[in-house]
Amino acid sequence: MAGVTIKKLTDSEKRDLEIETWPIWEKEVSRFDWTYSDTEHCYIINGEFVVETSEGNFEIGPGDFVTFDKGLECVWDIKVPVKKYYNFS
């Protein structure tokens, strides 16, 4: 089943992934449904939000490295405007 994985990266892991070369996405406070057509990896620069899934809710904030699996159906509930690096695979 598609899910959400959250972890903290070391500075060397961030450099190895070249995260700072990834595109940046920003979104204001809002709530919306989303379905992932591909797996997304992202690193949260700023913001706070909850991703609601059938497996539970995930609180995400600055410094989190998040993987959203392909096929995941969820609701994003953005509490503080979000800015993140992202990469699809």
N, C-alpha and C. Protein backbone atom coordinates (compact mmCIF):
# COMPACT_ATOMS: atom_id res chain seq x y z
N MET A 1 0.85 -1.19 0.00
CA MET A 1 0.00 0.00 0.00
C MET A 1 0.88 1.24 0.00
N ALA A 2 0.50 2.23 -0.76
CA ALA A 2 1.26 3.48 -0.86
C ALA A 2 1.25 4.21 0.48
N GLY A 3 2.37 4.79 0.82
CA GLY A 3 2.46 5.46 2.10
C GLY A 3 3.36 6.67 2.10
N VAL A 4 3.68 7.11 3.32
CA VAL A 4 4.50 8.28 3.57
C VAL A 4 5.66 7.86 4.47
N THR A 5 6.88 8.28 4.12
CA THR A 5 8.05 8.03 4.95
C THR A 5 8.69 9.37 5.26
N ILE A 6 8.98 9.60 6.56
CA ILE A 6 9.60 10.86 7.00
C ILE A 6 10.88 10.52 7.72
N LYS A 7 11.97 11.22 7.36
CA LYS A 7 13.22 11.03 8.11
C LYS A 7 14.03 12.31 8.08
N LYS A 8 15.05 12.35 8.91
CA LYS A 8 16.00 13.46 8.94
C LYS A 8 17.25 13.00 8.21
N LEU A 9 17.82 13.89 7.40
CA LEU A 9 19.04 13.58 6.67
C LEU A 9 20.24 14.26 7.31
N THR A 10 21.40 13.62 7.20
CA THR A 10 22.64 14.27 7.61
C THR A 10 23.02 15.25 6.52
N ASP A 11 23.94 16.17 6.84
CA ASP A 11 24.41 17.12 5.84
C ASP A 11 25.03 16.40 4.66
N SER A 12 25.76 15.31 4.91
CA SER A 12 26.39 14.59 3.80
C SER A 12 25.34 13.90 2.92
N GLU A 13 24.26 13.39 3.51
CA GLU A 13 23.18 12.78 2.72
C GLU A 13 22.53 13.84 1.83
N LYS A 14 22.33 15.05 2.37
CA LYS A 14 21.73 16.13 1.57
C LYS A 14 22.64 16.50 0.40
N ARG A 15 23.95 16.56 0.66
CA ARG A 15 24.91 16.87 -0.42
C ARG A 15 24.91 15.75 -1.46
N ASP A 16 24.92 14.50 -1.03
CA ASP A 16 24.95 13.36 -1.96
C ASP A 16 23.73 13.35 -2.87
N LEU A 17 22.57 13.73 -2.35
CA LEU A 17 21.34 13.77 -3.14
C LEU A 17 21.23 15.04 -4.00
N GLU A 18 22.14 15.99 -3.76
CA GLU A 18 22.13 17.28 -4.46
C GLU A 18 20.77 17.97 -4.35
N ILE A 19 20.21 17.93 -3.15
CA ILE A 19 18.87 18.47 -2.91
C ILE A 19 18.74 19.93 -3.33
N GLU A 20 19.77 20.72 -3.09
CA GLU A 20 19.67 22.16 -3.39
C GLU A 20 19.63 22.46 -4.89
N THR A 21 19.79 21.43 -5.74
CA THR A 21 19.66 21.62 -7.19
C THR A 21 18.24 21.27 -7.65
N TRP A 22 17.40 20.71 -6.77
CA TRP A 22 16.04 20.31 -7.12
C TRP A 22 15.15 21.55 -7.27
N PRO A 23 14.06 21.43 -8.02
CA PRO A 23 13.09 22.55 -8.11
C PRO A 23 12.49 22.85 -6.73
N ILE A 24 11.97 24.07 -6.59
CA ILE A 24 11.30 24.49 -5.35
C ILE A 24 9.82 24.67 -5.62
N TRP A 25 9.00 24.21 -4.68
CA TRP A 25 7.54 24.36 -4.74
C TRP A 25 7.10 25.12 -3.50
N GLU A 26 6.18 26.07 -3.67
CA GLU A 26 5.65 26.84 -2.55
C GLU A 26 4.13 26.83 -2.60
N LYS A 27 3.51 26.83 -1.41
CA LYS A 27 2.04 26.83 -1.34
C LYS A 27 1.61 27.54 -0.07
N GLU A 28 0.54 28.35 -0.23
CA GLU A 28 -0.01 29.10 0.91
C GLU A 28 -0.85 28.16 1.79
N VAL A 29 -1.29 28.70 2.92
CA VAL A 29 -2.17 27.96 3.81
C VAL A 29 -3.40 27.52 3.01
N SER A 30 -3.68 26.23 3.02
CA SER A 30 -4.79 25.69 2.24
C SER A 30 -5.02 24.23 2.62
N ARG A 31 -6.05 23.67 2.03
CA ARG A 31 -6.38 22.26 2.24
C ARG A 31 -6.85 21.71 0.89
N PHE A 32 -6.26 20.58 0.46
CA PHE A 32 -6.63 20.03 -0.85
C PHE A 32 -6.35 18.53 -0.91
N ASP A 33 -7.10 17.86 -1.78
CA ASP A 33 -6.89 16.44 -2.06
C ASP A 33 -5.75 16.30 -3.05
N TRP A 34 -4.98 15.20 -2.92
CA TRP A 34 -3.90 14.95 -3.86
C TRP A 34 -3.70 13.46 -4.05
N THR A 35 -3.39 13.05 -5.28
CA THR A 35 -3.02 11.66 -5.59
C THR A 35 -1.69 11.70 -6.32
N TYR A 36 -0.74 10.89 -5.88
CA TYR A 36 0.60 10.86 -6.47
C TYR A 36 0.66 9.89 -7.64
N SER A 37 0.96 10.43 -8.84
CA SER A 37 1.09 9.59 -10.03
C SER A 37 2.50 9.02 -10.16
N ASP A 38 3.45 9.58 -9.40
CA ASP A 38 4.83 9.08 -9.31
C ASP A 38 5.28 9.24 -7.87
N THR A 39 6.37 8.57 -7.51
CA THR A 39 6.95 8.72 -6.19
C THR A 39 7.63 10.09 -6.11
N GLU A 40 7.36 10.81 -5.02
CA GLU A 40 7.99 12.11 -4.81
C GLU A 40 8.87 12.06 -3.58
N HIS A 41 10.08 12.63 -3.70
CA HIS A 41 10.98 12.85 -2.57
C HIS A 41 11.04 14.36 -2.39
N CYS A 42 10.93 14.82 -1.15
CA CYS A 42 11.02 16.26 -0.94
C CYS A 42 11.70 16.57 0.39
N TYR A 43 12.31 17.74 0.44
CA TYR A 43 12.96 18.25 1.63
C TYR A 43 12.28 19.56 2.00
N ILE A 44 11.74 19.62 3.21
CA ILE A 44 10.95 20.77 3.64
C ILE A 44 11.89 21.88 4.13
N ILE A 45 11.82 23.02 3.46
CA ILE A 45 12.63 24.18 3.83
C ILE A 45 11.91 24.96 4.93
N ASN A 46 10.64 25.29 4.69
CA ASN A 46 9.80 26.05 5.63
C ASN A 46 8.39 25.50 5.59
N GLY A 47 7.65 25.76 6.67
CA GLY A 47 6.23 25.43 6.69
C GLY A 47 5.89 24.29 7.61
N GLU A 48 4.60 24.15 7.83
CA GLU A 48 4.07 23.05 8.65
C GLU A 48 2.77 22.59 8.01
N PHE A 49 2.63 21.27 7.89
CA PHE A 49 1.41 20.73 7.31
C PHE A 49 1.17 19.31 7.79
N VAL A 50 -0.06 18.87 7.62
CA VAL A 50 -0.46 17.50 7.95
C VAL A 50 -0.90 16.85 6.66
N VAL A 51 -0.41 15.63 6.42
CA VAL A 51 -0.87 14.83 5.29
C VAL A 51 -1.75 13.73 5.86
N GLU A 52 -3.01 13.75 5.47
CA GLU A 52 -3.99 12.79 5.98
C GLU A 52 -4.12 11.65 4.97
N THR A 53 -3.90 10.41 5.46
CA THR A 53 -3.99 9.23 4.60
C THR A 53 -4.89 8.19 5.26
N SER A 54 -5.19 7.14 4.53
CA SER A 54 -6.00 6.05 5.10
C SER A 54 -5.25 5.30 6.19
N GLU A 55 -3.91 5.46 6.22
CA GLU A 55 -3.09 4.79 7.25
C GLU A 55 -2.82 5.69 8.45
N GLY A 56 -3.32 6.92 8.42
CA GLY A 56 -3.10 7.84 9.53
C GLY A 56 -2.64 9.20 9.03
N ASN A 57 -2.42 10.10 9.97
CA ASN A 57 -2.01 11.46 9.65
C ASN A 57 -0.53 11.63 9.95
N PHE A 58 0.15 12.41 9.12
CA PHE A 58 1.58 12.64 9.25
C PHE A 58 1.83 14.13 9.40
N GLU A 59 2.44 14.54 10.51
CA GLU A 59 2.80 15.94 10.73
C GLU A 59 4.20 16.16 10.17
N ILE A 60 4.33 17.15 9.30
CA ILE A 60 5.57 17.38 8.57
C ILE A 60 5.98 18.84 8.74
N GLY A 61 7.30 19.06 8.91
CA GLY A 61 7.80 20.42 9.11
C GLY A 61 9.21 20.59 8.60
N PRO A 62 9.80 21.75 8.88
CA PRO A 62 11.13 22.08 8.38
C PRO A 62 12.17 21.02 8.74
N GLY A 63 13.03 20.70 7.77
CA GLY A 63 14.10 19.72 7.99
C GLY A 63 13.69 18.28 7.73
N ASP A 64 12.41 18.04 7.47
CA ASP A 64 11.96 16.67 7.18
C ASP A 64 12.25 16.33 5.73
N PHE A 65 12.73 15.10 5.51
CA PHE A 65 12.88 14.54 4.17
C PHE A 65 11.75 13.53 4.03
N VAL A 66 10.87 13.76 3.06
CA VAL A 66 9.64 12.98 2.96
C VAL A 66 9.57 12.26 1.62
N THR A 67 9.14 11.00 1.67
CA THR A 67 8.86 10.24 0.45
C THR A 67 7.38 9.94 0.42
N PHE A 68 6.72 10.36 -0.67
CA PHE A 68 5.31 10.05 -0.90
C PHE A 68 5.29 8.99 -2.01
N ASP A 69 4.77 7.81 -1.70
CA ASP A 69 4.78 6.71 -2.65
C ASP A 69 3.80 6.93 -3.80
N LYS A 70 4.17 6.43 -4.96
CA LYS A 70 3.29 6.45 -6.13
C LYS A 70 1.98 5.77 -5.77
N GLY A 71 0.88 6.39 -6.15
CA GLY A 71 -0.45 5.84 -5.87
C GLY A 71 -1.07 6.34 -4.58
N LEU A 72 -0.31 7.08 -3.76
CA LEU A 72 -0.83 7.59 -2.50
C LEU A 72 -1.97 8.57 -2.75
N GLU A 73 -3.08 8.36 -2.07
CA GLU A 73 -4.21 9.30 -2.08
C GLU A 73 -4.25 9.94 -0.70
N CYS A 74 -4.28 11.27 -0.67
CA CYS A 74 -4.19 11.95 0.62
C CYS A 74 -4.85 13.32 0.56
N VAL A 75 -4.90 13.94 1.72
CA VAL A 75 -5.33 15.33 1.84
C VAL A 75 -4.19 16.10 2.49
N TRP A 76 -3.79 17.20 1.84
CA TRP A 76 -2.81 18.10 2.42
C TRP A 76 -3.55 19.18 3.20
N ASP A 77 -3.13 19.41 4.44
CA ASP A 77 -3.69 20.47 5.27
C ASP A 77 -2.51 21.35 5.70
N ILE A 78 -2.31 22.44 4.95
CA ILE A 78 -1.16 23.31 5.20
C ILE A 78 -1.52 24.34 6.26
N LYS A 79 -0.78 24.29 7.37
CA LYS A 79 -1.02 25.19 8.51
C LYS A 79 -0.17 26.46 8.43
N VAL A 80 1.08 26.31 7.94
CA VAL A 80 2.02 27.42 7.77
C VAL A 80 2.56 27.29 6.35
N PRO A 81 2.59 28.38 5.56
CA PRO A 81 3.00 28.28 4.16
C PRO A 81 4.24 27.41 3.96
N VAL A 82 4.19 26.58 2.91
CA VAL A 82 5.23 25.57 2.66
C VAL A 82 6.16 26.00 1.54
N LYS A 83 7.44 25.72 1.75
CA LYS A 83 8.46 25.85 0.71
C LYS A 83 9.30 24.58 0.79
N LYS A 84 9.42 23.87 -0.35
CA LYS A 84 10.14 22.60 -0.33
C LYS A 84 10.91 22.38 -1.63
N TYR A 85 12.02 21.64 -1.52
CA TYR A 85 12.68 21.08 -2.69
C TYR A 85 11.96 19.79 -3.01
N TYR A 86 11.81 19.45 -4.30
CA TYR A 86 11.12 18.20 -4.64
C TYR A 86 11.75 17.55 -5.87
N ASN A 87 11.55 16.23 -5.95
CA ASN A 87 12.08 15.45 -7.07
C ASN A 87 11.18 14.24 -7.26
N PHE A 88 10.73 14.00 -8.48
CA PHE A 88 9.89 12.84 -8.77
C PHE A 88 10.74 11.73 -9.38
N SER A 89 10.39 10.49 -9.05
CA SER A 89 11.10 9.35 -9.64
C SER A 89 10.10 8.28 -10.08
